[in-house]
Amino acid sequence: MRARIAFILIATAAVLLWRLPSTELRASVSGNSPFTLTGDGRLVVADTHTGESVSIMYRTPNGLYEDAALDAIDYTLRCHGKGEEYPISLKLIELVDNIQDHFGATRAMVVSGYRSPEYNAALKRTLGRVAHNSLHMQGLAMDIQLPGVSKRDLVAYARSLKAGGVGDYSGSNFVHIDVGPVRSW
């Protein structure tokens, strides 16, 4: 029984840290976490499939997150299959912002953001090289391009951050970025 209660408490804490209300998140960001790899708090992303884009200040200068801005990011990066929305990880938003700012890119072109399990399975059947347990299904991954930035430079910088996974697929024009375990392919 104690183990079950401990598990529930840990799971609840994980969910809260996943998307704390803006007033509470600032205190959770500290130490040597990849979360310290932040940008300027402004993100410009465009979905390559829908053509939709958002240019938004998602974090105030004093470090508070704007819930409406995060909702707009979730909407823009929704699943291409059924149009389902899912919370995009704050770590991932900050990481992509950091990368965008590093290169001075006007926007990040998102080939794939959130994927529903059904859409991910359909892509796996069609393309074959889609992970069965893709971090896209948890809002932890994006496939991106930066206008004016070579794929090689984007891959090299993202790998240097050691903030998660970086995938460089031959024959593709995008780079996979995630905030899962540090690895590259």
N, C-alpha and C. Protein backbone atom coordinates (compact mmCIF):
# COMPACT_ATOMS: atom_id res chain seq x y z
N MET A 1 0.82 -1.19 0.00
CA MET A 1 0.00 0.00 0.00
C MET A 1 0.87 1.26 0.00
N ARG A 2 1.95 1.28 0.82
CA ARG A 2 2.84 2.43 0.85
C ARG A 2 3.49 2.67 -0.50
N ALA A 3 3.87 1.58 -1.16
CA ALA A 3 4.50 1.71 -2.49
C ALA A 3 3.53 2.34 -3.47
N ARG A 4 2.27 1.94 -3.41
CA ARG A 4 1.26 2.50 -4.30
C ARG A 4 1.05 3.99 -4.02
N ILE A 5 1.00 4.37 -2.76
CA ILE A 5 0.83 5.79 -2.40
C ILE A 5 2.06 6.58 -2.85
N ALA A 6 3.25 6.04 -2.64
CA ALA A 6 4.47 6.72 -3.08
C ALA A 6 4.46 6.91 -4.59
N PHE A 7 4.04 5.88 -5.32
CA PHE A 7 3.97 5.98 -6.77
C PHE A 7 2.99 7.09 -7.19
N ILE A 8 1.85 7.13 -6.55
CA ILE A 8 0.84 8.15 -6.88
C ILE A 8 1.39 9.54 -6.60
N LEU A 9 2.09 9.71 -5.49
CA LEU A 9 2.67 11.01 -5.17
C LEU A 9 3.74 11.42 -6.18
N ILE A 10 4.59 10.49 -6.56
CA ILE A 10 5.63 10.79 -7.55
C ILE A 10 5.00 11.10 -8.90
N ALA A 11 4.01 10.33 -9.30
CA ALA A 11 3.34 10.58 -10.57
C ALA A 11 2.65 11.94 -10.57
N THR A 12 2.03 12.29 -9.46
CA THR A 12 1.37 13.60 -9.36
C THR A 12 2.38 14.72 -9.46
N ALA A 13 3.52 14.57 -8.79
CA ALA A 13 4.57 15.60 -8.87
C ALA A 13 5.08 15.74 -10.29
N ALA A 14 5.25 14.61 -10.99
CA ALA A 14 5.72 14.66 -12.37
C ALA A 14 4.74 15.41 -13.26
N VAL A 15 3.46 15.16 -13.09
CA VAL A 15 2.44 15.85 -13.88
C VAL A 15 2.47 17.34 -13.59
N LEU A 16 2.60 17.70 -12.32
CA LEU A 16 2.63 19.12 -11.97
C LEU A 16 3.85 19.81 -12.55
N LEU A 17 5.00 19.16 -12.50
CA LEU A 17 6.20 19.77 -13.07
C LEU A 17 6.11 19.83 -14.58
N TRP A 18 5.34 18.93 -15.18
CA TRP A 18 5.17 18.91 -16.63
C TRP A 18 4.60 20.24 -17.09
N ARG A 19 3.59 20.73 -16.38
CA ARG A 19 2.94 21.96 -16.81
C ARG A 19 2.37 22.70 -15.61
N LEU A 20 3.26 23.19 -14.77
CA LEU A 20 2.83 23.96 -13.61
C LEU A 20 2.18 25.26 -14.05
N PRO A 21 1.25 25.79 -13.28
CA PRO A 21 0.74 27.12 -13.58
C PRO A 21 1.90 28.11 -13.61
N SER A 22 1.77 29.13 -14.42
CA SER A 22 2.87 30.06 -14.65
C SER A 22 3.45 30.64 -13.37
N THR A 23 2.64 30.87 -12.38
CA THR A 23 3.14 31.51 -11.16
C THR A 23 4.01 30.57 -10.33
N GLU A 24 3.91 29.26 -10.56
CA GLU A 24 4.65 28.31 -9.74
C GLU A 24 5.86 27.71 -10.44
N LEU A 25 5.95 27.83 -11.76
CA LEU A 25 7.00 27.13 -12.48
C LEU A 25 8.38 27.72 -12.25
N ARG A 26 8.48 29.01 -12.14
CA ARG A 26 9.78 29.65 -12.03
C ARG A 26 10.63 29.03 -10.92
N ALA A 27 10.02 28.72 -9.81
CA ALA A 27 10.75 28.15 -8.68
C ALA A 27 11.26 26.74 -8.99
N SER A 28 10.66 26.05 -9.95
CA SER A 28 11.07 24.68 -10.25
C SER A 28 12.26 24.63 -11.20
N VAL A 29 12.65 25.75 -11.77
CA VAL A 29 13.73 25.80 -12.74
C VAL A 29 15.01 26.22 -12.03
N SER A 30 15.94 25.27 -11.86
CA SER A 30 17.19 25.63 -11.20
C SER A 30 18.24 24.57 -11.46
N GLY A 31 19.43 24.83 -10.99
CA GLY A 31 20.51 23.86 -11.07
C GLY A 31 21.04 23.68 -12.47
N ASN A 32 21.59 22.51 -12.75
CA ASN A 32 22.20 22.22 -14.03
C ASN A 32 21.26 21.49 -14.98
N SER A 33 19.99 21.61 -14.76
CA SER A 33 19.00 20.98 -15.61
C SER A 33 19.10 21.53 -17.03
N PRO A 34 18.78 20.71 -18.04
CA PRO A 34 18.70 21.24 -19.40
C PRO A 34 17.69 22.39 -19.50
N PHE A 35 16.85 22.51 -18.48
CA PHE A 35 15.88 23.60 -18.45
C PHE A 35 16.58 24.95 -18.40
N THR A 36 17.82 24.97 -18.02
CA THR A 36 18.56 26.24 -18.01
C THR A 36 18.94 26.66 -19.42
N LEU A 37 18.74 25.79 -20.38
CA LEU A 37 19.00 26.13 -21.78
C LEU A 37 17.78 26.86 -22.33
N THR A 38 17.66 28.10 -21.95
CA THR A 38 16.48 28.85 -22.33
C THR A 38 16.80 29.88 -23.40
N GLY A 39 15.76 30.31 -24.06
CA GLY A 39 15.90 31.39 -25.01
C GLY A 39 15.43 32.68 -24.38
N ASP A 40 14.99 33.58 -25.23
CA ASP A 40 14.58 34.91 -24.75
C ASP A 40 13.12 34.98 -24.32
N GLY A 41 12.41 33.86 -24.38
CA GLY A 41 11.01 33.83 -23.97
C GLY A 41 10.04 34.10 -25.11
N ARG A 42 10.56 34.34 -26.30
CA ARG A 42 9.73 34.54 -27.49
C ARG A 42 10.02 33.40 -28.45
N LEU A 43 8.96 32.78 -28.92
CA LEU A 43 9.09 31.67 -29.86
C LEU A 43 8.27 31.97 -31.10
N VAL A 44 8.88 31.71 -32.23
CA VAL A 44 8.18 31.83 -33.50
C VAL A 44 8.27 30.46 -34.17
N VAL A 45 7.12 29.80 -34.29
CA VAL A 45 7.08 28.49 -34.95
C VAL A 45 6.01 28.51 -36.03
N ALA A 46 6.29 27.76 -37.09
CA ALA A 46 5.33 27.61 -38.18
C ALA A 46 5.24 26.13 -38.53
N ASP A 47 4.03 25.63 -38.67
CA ASP A 47 3.79 24.25 -39.03
C ASP A 47 3.90 24.12 -40.55
N THR A 48 4.79 23.26 -41.02
CA THR A 48 5.01 23.13 -42.46
C THR A 48 3.83 22.49 -43.17
N HIS A 49 2.97 21.76 -42.45
CA HIS A 49 1.83 21.09 -43.08
C HIS A 49 0.61 21.99 -43.19
N THR A 50 0.33 22.73 -42.13
CA THR A 50 -0.89 23.56 -42.12
C THR A 50 -0.62 24.99 -42.56
N GLY A 51 0.65 25.42 -42.49
CA GLY A 51 0.98 26.80 -42.81
C GLY A 51 0.70 27.75 -41.65
N GLU A 52 0.13 27.23 -40.56
CA GLU A 52 -0.17 28.06 -39.40
C GLU A 52 1.12 28.40 -38.67
N SER A 53 1.13 29.59 -38.09
CA SER A 53 2.29 29.98 -37.31
C SER A 53 1.85 30.77 -36.10
N VAL A 54 2.76 30.84 -35.14
CA VAL A 54 2.53 31.64 -33.95
C VAL A 54 3.85 32.33 -33.60
N SER A 55 3.75 33.60 -33.33
CA SER A 55 4.87 34.40 -32.85
C SER A 55 4.42 34.93 -31.51
N ILE A 56 5.04 34.44 -30.45
CA ILE A 56 4.43 34.69 -29.15
C ILE A 56 5.48 34.78 -28.05
N MET A 57 5.21 35.66 -27.10
CA MET A 57 6.02 35.74 -25.89
C MET A 57 5.38 34.78 -24.90
N TYR A 58 6.05 33.67 -24.64
CA TYR A 58 5.48 32.64 -23.77
C TYR A 58 5.98 32.75 -22.33
N ARG A 59 7.05 33.55 -22.12
CA ARG A 59 7.60 33.73 -20.79
C ARG A 59 7.89 35.21 -20.59
N THR A 60 7.45 35.75 -19.47
CA THR A 60 7.66 37.16 -19.18
C THR A 60 9.12 37.40 -18.80
N PRO A 61 9.57 38.65 -18.86
CA PRO A 61 10.96 38.95 -18.47
C PRO A 61 11.29 38.52 -17.04
N ASN A 62 10.30 38.46 -16.16
CA ASN A 62 10.58 38.03 -14.78
C ASN A 62 10.46 36.51 -14.60
N GLY A 63 10.32 35.76 -15.70
CA GLY A 63 10.38 34.30 -15.65
C GLY A 63 9.07 33.57 -15.49
N LEU A 64 7.95 34.26 -15.61
CA LEU A 64 6.66 33.60 -15.48
C LEU A 64 6.14 33.18 -16.84
N TYR A 65 5.56 32.00 -16.90
CA TYR A 65 5.02 31.48 -18.15
C TYR A 65 3.58 31.94 -18.34
N GLU A 66 3.25 32.25 -19.57
CA GLU A 66 1.91 32.73 -19.95
C GLU A 66 1.09 31.54 -20.43
N ASP A 67 0.08 31.16 -19.66
CA ASP A 67 -0.72 29.99 -20.00
C ASP A 67 -1.39 30.11 -21.37
N ALA A 68 -1.91 31.28 -21.71
CA ALA A 68 -2.58 31.46 -23.01
C ALA A 68 -1.58 31.28 -24.15
N ALA A 69 -0.36 31.73 -23.96
CA ALA A 69 0.68 31.57 -24.99
C ALA A 69 1.04 30.10 -25.16
N LEU A 70 1.15 29.39 -24.04
CA LEU A 70 1.46 27.96 -24.12
C LEU A 70 0.32 27.21 -24.80
N ASP A 71 -0.91 27.61 -24.55
CA ASP A 71 -2.06 27.00 -25.22
C ASP A 71 -1.98 27.24 -26.73
N ALA A 72 -1.55 28.43 -27.14
CA ALA A 72 -1.42 28.75 -28.56
C ALA A 72 -0.34 27.90 -29.22
N ILE A 73 0.75 27.65 -28.50
CA ILE A 73 1.80 26.78 -29.02
C ILE A 73 1.26 25.36 -29.16
N ASP A 74 0.57 24.87 -28.14
CA ASP A 74 -0.03 23.52 -28.21
C ASP A 74 -0.95 23.39 -29.41
N TYR A 75 -1.76 24.43 -29.66
CA TYR A 75 -2.69 24.39 -30.78
C TYR A 75 -1.93 24.34 -32.12
N THR A 76 -0.92 25.17 -32.26
CA THR A 76 -0.17 25.23 -33.51
C THR A 76 0.57 23.92 -33.78
N LEU A 77 1.03 23.26 -32.73
CA LEU A 77 1.81 22.03 -32.89
C LEU A 77 0.97 20.77 -32.67
N ARG A 78 -0.35 20.89 -32.85
CA ARG A 78 -1.26 19.77 -32.67
C ARG A 78 -1.01 18.68 -33.71
N CYS A 79 -1.58 17.52 -33.45
CA CYS A 79 -1.41 16.35 -34.32
C CYS A 79 -2.00 16.61 -35.71
N HIS A 80 -1.26 16.23 -36.73
CA HIS A 80 -1.75 16.38 -38.10
C HIS A 80 -2.85 15.37 -38.44
N GLY A 81 -2.90 14.28 -37.70
CA GLY A 81 -3.88 13.24 -37.99
C GLY A 81 -5.30 13.65 -37.66
N LYS A 82 -5.60 13.82 -36.38
CA LYS A 82 -6.96 14.14 -35.94
C LYS A 82 -7.10 15.57 -35.43
N GLY A 83 -6.03 16.31 -35.44
CA GLY A 83 -6.09 17.67 -34.93
C GLY A 83 -6.08 17.76 -33.42
N GLU A 84 -5.72 16.66 -32.75
CA GLU A 84 -5.69 16.65 -31.28
C GLU A 84 -4.56 17.53 -30.76
N GLU A 85 -4.85 18.24 -29.67
CA GLU A 85 -3.84 19.03 -28.98
C GLU A 85 -3.30 18.25 -27.80
N TYR A 86 -2.08 18.60 -27.41
CA TYR A 86 -1.44 17.96 -26.27
C TYR A 86 -0.43 18.96 -25.72
N PRO A 87 -0.22 19.01 -24.41
CA PRO A 87 0.74 19.97 -23.86
C PRO A 87 2.17 19.69 -24.35
N ILE A 88 2.77 20.66 -24.98
CA ILE A 88 4.16 20.56 -25.40
C ILE A 88 5.02 20.88 -24.17
N SER A 89 6.01 20.06 -23.93
CA SER A 89 6.88 20.20 -22.77
C SER A 89 7.53 21.59 -22.74
N LEU A 90 7.52 22.20 -21.56
CA LEU A 90 8.20 23.49 -21.40
C LEU A 90 9.69 23.38 -21.67
N LYS A 91 10.27 22.25 -21.31
CA LYS A 91 11.69 22.04 -21.59
C LYS A 91 11.94 22.08 -23.10
N LEU A 92 11.04 21.47 -23.86
CA LEU A 92 11.19 21.44 -25.31
C LEU A 92 10.99 22.84 -25.89
N ILE A 93 10.00 23.56 -25.42
CA ILE A 93 9.77 24.93 -25.89
C ILE A 93 11.02 25.78 -25.62
N GLU A 94 11.56 25.70 -24.41
CA GLU A 94 12.76 26.46 -24.07
C GLU A 94 13.95 26.04 -24.92
N LEU A 95 14.09 24.75 -25.17
CA LEU A 95 15.20 24.25 -25.98
C LEU A 95 15.12 24.77 -27.41
N VAL A 96 13.94 24.68 -28.01
CA VAL A 96 13.78 25.17 -29.39
C VAL A 96 14.00 26.69 -29.43
N ASP A 97 13.54 27.41 -28.42
CA ASP A 97 13.77 28.85 -28.33
C ASP A 97 15.26 29.13 -28.25
N ASN A 98 15.98 28.37 -27.44
CA ASN A 98 17.43 28.54 -27.33
C ASN A 98 18.10 28.34 -28.69
N ILE A 99 17.71 27.30 -29.39
CA ILE A 99 18.30 26.99 -30.70
C ILE A 99 17.97 28.10 -31.69
N GLN A 100 16.72 28.53 -31.71
CA GLN A 100 16.30 29.60 -32.62
C GLN A 100 17.10 30.88 -32.33
N ASP A 101 17.24 31.23 -31.06
CA ASP A 101 17.98 32.44 -30.69
C ASP A 101 19.47 32.31 -31.03
N HIS A 102 20.05 31.14 -30.79
CA HIS A 102 21.47 30.93 -31.08
C HIS A 102 21.80 31.26 -32.53
N PHE A 103 20.94 30.84 -33.44
CA PHE A 103 21.19 31.06 -34.86
C PHE A 103 20.60 32.37 -35.36
N GLY A 104 19.85 33.07 -34.53
CA GLY A 104 19.19 34.30 -34.98
C GLY A 104 18.14 34.02 -36.04
N ALA A 105 17.56 32.83 -35.98
CA ALA A 105 16.56 32.44 -36.98
C ALA A 105 15.25 33.18 -36.75
N THR A 106 14.60 33.55 -37.82
CA THR A 106 13.33 34.28 -37.71
C THR A 106 12.21 33.39 -37.21
N ARG A 107 12.33 32.07 -37.44
CA ARG A 107 11.30 31.13 -37.00
C ARG A 107 11.84 29.71 -37.08
N ALA A 108 11.16 28.83 -36.39
CA ALA A 108 11.44 27.39 -36.50
C ALA A 108 10.30 26.78 -37.30
N MET A 109 10.63 26.14 -38.38
CA MET A 109 9.64 25.44 -39.20
C MET A 109 9.48 24.04 -38.61
N VAL A 110 8.27 23.73 -38.15
CA VAL A 110 8.02 22.45 -37.47
C VAL A 110 7.37 21.48 -38.45
N VAL A 111 8.08 20.41 -38.73
CA VAL A 111 7.59 19.35 -39.60
C VAL A 111 6.66 18.44 -38.82
N SER A 112 6.99 18.22 -37.55
CA SER A 112 6.16 17.37 -36.70
C SER A 112 6.32 17.82 -35.25
N GLY A 113 5.19 18.05 -34.59
CA GLY A 113 5.17 18.37 -33.17
C GLY A 113 4.53 17.20 -32.44
N TYR A 114 3.37 17.43 -31.83
CA TYR A 114 2.66 16.35 -31.16
C TYR A 114 2.08 15.39 -32.18
N ARG A 115 2.15 14.09 -31.85
CA ARG A 115 1.50 13.05 -32.66
C ARG A 115 0.65 12.19 -31.74
N SER A 116 -0.59 11.96 -32.13
CA SER A 116 -1.42 11.02 -31.38
C SER A 116 -0.86 9.62 -31.62
N PRO A 117 -1.13 8.68 -30.72
CA PRO A 117 -0.67 7.31 -30.92
C PRO A 117 -1.16 6.72 -32.25
N GLU A 118 -2.39 7.04 -32.63
CA GLU A 118 -2.94 6.52 -33.90
C GLU A 118 -2.18 7.10 -35.10
N TYR A 119 -1.92 8.40 -35.06
CA TYR A 119 -1.21 9.04 -36.17
C TYR A 119 0.23 8.52 -36.23
N ASN A 120 0.87 8.35 -35.09
CA ASN A 120 2.23 7.84 -35.05
C ASN A 120 2.28 6.44 -35.66
N ALA A 121 1.29 5.59 -35.31
CA ALA A 121 1.24 4.23 -35.87
C ALA A 121 1.04 4.27 -37.38
N ALA A 122 0.21 5.19 -37.85
CA ALA A 122 -0.01 5.32 -39.30
C ALA A 122 1.28 5.75 -40.00
N LEU A 123 2.02 6.68 -39.39
CA LEU A 123 3.30 7.10 -39.97
C LEU A 123 4.29 5.94 -39.99
N LYS A 124 4.29 5.15 -38.92
CA LYS A 124 5.19 4.00 -38.86
C LYS A 124 4.88 3.01 -39.98
N ARG A 125 3.59 2.77 -40.23
CA ARG A 125 3.20 1.86 -41.31
C ARG A 125 3.60 2.42 -42.68
N THR A 126 3.46 3.74 -42.84
CA THR A 126 3.74 4.37 -44.12
C THR A 126 5.23 4.60 -44.36
N LEU A 127 5.91 5.16 -43.36
CA LEU A 127 7.30 5.56 -43.52
C LEU A 127 8.30 4.53 -43.01
N GLY A 128 7.89 3.75 -42.02
CA GLY A 128 8.76 2.71 -41.48
C GLY A 128 9.76 3.18 -40.44
N ARG A 129 10.33 4.35 -40.59
CA ARG A 129 11.39 4.78 -39.67
C ARG A 129 10.87 5.67 -38.53
N VAL A 130 9.67 5.42 -38.10
CA VAL A 130 9.06 6.14 -36.99
C VAL A 130 9.10 5.26 -35.76
N ALA A 131 9.56 5.80 -34.64
CA ALA A 131 9.67 5.02 -33.41
C ALA A 131 8.29 4.62 -32.89
N HIS A 132 8.17 3.38 -32.46
CA HIS A 132 6.92 2.87 -31.92
C HIS A 132 6.49 3.67 -30.69
N ASN A 133 7.42 3.99 -29.81
CA ASN A 133 7.14 4.77 -28.61
C ASN A 133 7.70 6.18 -28.74
N SER A 134 7.44 6.82 -29.83
CA SER A 134 7.99 8.13 -30.13
C SER A 134 7.69 9.16 -29.04
N LEU A 135 8.68 9.98 -28.73
CA LEU A 135 8.49 11.05 -27.76
C LEU A 135 7.56 12.14 -28.30
N HIS A 136 7.28 12.14 -29.59
CA HIS A 136 6.29 13.06 -30.15
C HIS A 136 4.92 12.83 -29.49
N MET A 137 4.64 11.58 -29.11
CA MET A 137 3.34 11.24 -28.52
C MET A 137 3.21 11.74 -27.08
N GLN A 138 4.29 12.25 -26.52
CA GLN A 138 4.27 12.79 -25.17
C GLN A 138 4.54 14.30 -25.15
N GLY A 139 4.57 14.92 -26.32
CA GLY A 139 4.85 16.35 -26.38
C GLY A 139 6.28 16.68 -26.04
N LEU A 140 7.19 15.72 -26.22
CA LEU A 140 8.59 15.89 -25.84
C LEU A 140 9.52 16.00 -27.04
N ALA A 141 8.99 16.05 -28.26
CA ALA A 141 9.84 16.06 -29.46
C ALA A 141 9.25 16.94 -30.55
N MET A 142 10.15 17.51 -31.34
CA MET A 142 9.77 18.26 -32.55
C MET A 142 10.77 17.92 -33.64
N ASP A 143 10.30 17.87 -34.86
CA ASP A 143 11.16 17.79 -36.03
C ASP A 143 11.15 19.19 -36.63
N ILE A 144 12.33 19.81 -36.72
CA ILE A 144 12.38 21.22 -37.11
C ILE A 144 13.39 21.50 -38.23
N GLN A 145 13.18 22.64 -38.86
CA GLN A 145 14.11 23.25 -39.80
C GLN A 145 14.23 24.71 -39.38
N LEU A 146 15.39 25.31 -39.62
CA LEU A 146 15.55 26.74 -39.39
C LEU A 146 15.94 27.38 -40.70
N PRO A 147 15.11 28.29 -41.23
CA PRO A 147 15.45 28.95 -42.49
C PRO A 147 16.81 29.65 -42.38
N GLY A 148 17.64 29.42 -43.38
CA GLY A 148 18.96 30.04 -43.41
C GLY A 148 20.02 29.31 -42.61
N VAL A 149 19.67 28.20 -41.97
CA VAL A 149 20.62 27.43 -41.17
C VAL A 149 20.75 26.04 -41.79
N SER A 150 21.99 25.64 -42.04
CA SER A 150 22.18 24.31 -42.63
C SER A 150 21.79 23.23 -41.64
N LYS A 151 21.35 22.14 -42.18
CA LYS A 151 20.99 20.99 -41.35
C LYS A 151 22.20 20.53 -40.55
N ARG A 152 23.35 20.54 -41.16
CA ARG A 152 24.59 20.13 -40.48
C ARG A 152 24.88 21.01 -39.27
N ASP A 153 24.75 22.33 -39.42
CA ASP A 153 25.00 23.25 -38.30
C ASP A 153 23.96 23.07 -37.20
N LEU A 154 22.70 22.87 -37.59
CA LEU A 154 21.63 22.67 -36.62
C LEU A 154 21.88 21.39 -35.80
N VAL A 155 22.24 20.32 -36.47
CA VAL A 155 22.54 19.06 -35.79
C VAL A 155 23.72 19.24 -34.84
N ALA A 156 24.80 19.86 -35.30
CA ALA A 156 26.00 20.03 -34.47
C ALA A 156 25.70 20.84 -33.21
N TYR A 157 24.95 21.94 -33.36
CA TYR A 157 24.65 22.75 -32.19
C TYR A 157 23.74 22.00 -31.23
N ALA A 158 22.69 21.38 -31.73
CA ALA A 158 21.76 20.66 -30.87
C ALA A 158 22.48 19.54 -30.11
N ARG A 159 23.37 18.83 -30.77
CA ARG A 159 24.11 17.77 -30.10
C ARG A 159 25.04 18.34 -29.04
N SER A 160 25.62 19.51 -29.28
CA SER A 160 26.54 20.11 -28.32
C SER A 160 25.85 20.48 -27.01
N LEU A 161 24.55 20.71 -27.06
CA LEU A 161 23.80 21.08 -25.86
C LEU A 161 23.61 19.92 -24.90
N LYS A 162 23.62 18.70 -25.43
CA LYS A 162 23.40 17.49 -24.61
C LYS A 162 22.14 17.62 -23.74
N ALA A 163 21.07 18.09 -24.38
CA ALA A 163 19.81 18.31 -23.67
C ALA A 163 18.76 17.25 -23.97
N GLY A 164 19.09 16.29 -24.83
CA GLY A 164 18.14 15.25 -25.20
C GLY A 164 18.59 14.58 -26.48
N GLY A 165 17.64 14.00 -27.17
CA GLY A 165 17.94 13.30 -28.41
C GLY A 165 18.00 14.24 -29.61
N VAL A 166 18.91 13.92 -30.53
CA VAL A 166 19.04 14.66 -31.78
C VAL A 166 19.14 13.64 -32.90
N GLY A 167 18.17 13.68 -33.80
CA GLY A 167 18.15 12.74 -34.91
C GLY A 167 18.40 13.43 -36.23
N ASP A 168 19.34 12.87 -37.00
CA ASP A 168 19.67 13.38 -38.33
C ASP A 168 19.38 12.25 -39.31
N TYR A 169 18.22 12.35 -39.96
CA TYR A 169 17.80 11.32 -40.90
C TYR A 169 18.31 11.66 -42.29
N SER A 170 19.07 10.74 -42.89
CA SER A 170 19.57 10.99 -44.24
C SER A 170 18.39 11.09 -45.20
N GLY A 171 18.49 12.00 -46.12
CA GLY A 171 17.43 12.20 -47.10
C GLY A 171 16.31 13.10 -46.62
N SER A 172 16.36 13.54 -45.36
CA SER A 172 15.33 14.45 -44.87
C SER A 172 15.90 15.87 -44.78
N ASN A 173 14.99 16.83 -44.67
CA ASN A 173 15.43 18.22 -44.56
C ASN A 173 15.17 18.79 -43.17
N PHE A 174 14.91 17.93 -42.19
CA PHE A 174 14.63 18.37 -40.84
C PHE A 174 15.54 17.66 -39.84
N VAL A 175 15.55 18.18 -38.62
CA VAL A 175 16.30 17.58 -37.53
C VAL A 175 15.33 17.27 -36.40
N HIS A 176 15.43 16.07 -35.85
CA HIS A 176 14.61 15.68 -34.71
C HIS A 176 15.29 16.20 -33.45
N ILE A 177 14.52 16.91 -32.62
CA ILE A 177 14.99 17.43 -31.33
C ILE A 177 14.02 16.91 -30.26
N ASP A 178 14.57 16.34 -29.18
CA ASP A 178 13.68 15.95 -28.07
C ASP A 178 14.37 16.20 -26.74
N VAL A 179 13.59 16.12 -25.67
CA VAL A 179 14.12 16.34 -24.34
C VAL A 179 14.09 15.04 -23.52
N GLY A 180 14.25 13.94 -24.22
CA GLY A 180 14.38 12.65 -23.57
C GLY A 180 15.84 12.43 -23.21
N PRO A 181 16.25 11.17 -23.07
CA PRO A 181 17.65 10.87 -22.75
C PRO A 181 18.59 11.42 -23.83
N VAL A 182 19.79 11.79 -23.43
CA VAL A 182 20.79 12.30 -24.37
C VAL A 182 21.26 11.15 -25.25
N ARG A 183 21.06 11.30 -26.56
CA ARG A 183 21.47 10.31 -27.55
C ARG A 183 21.42 10.97 -28.92
N SER A 184 22.03 10.35 -29.89
CA SER A 184 21.96 10.88 -31.26
C SER A 184 22.03 9.75 -32.26
N TRP A 185 21.47 10.02 -33.41
CA TRP A 185 21.46 9.05 -34.50
C TRP A 185 21.45 9.80 -35.81
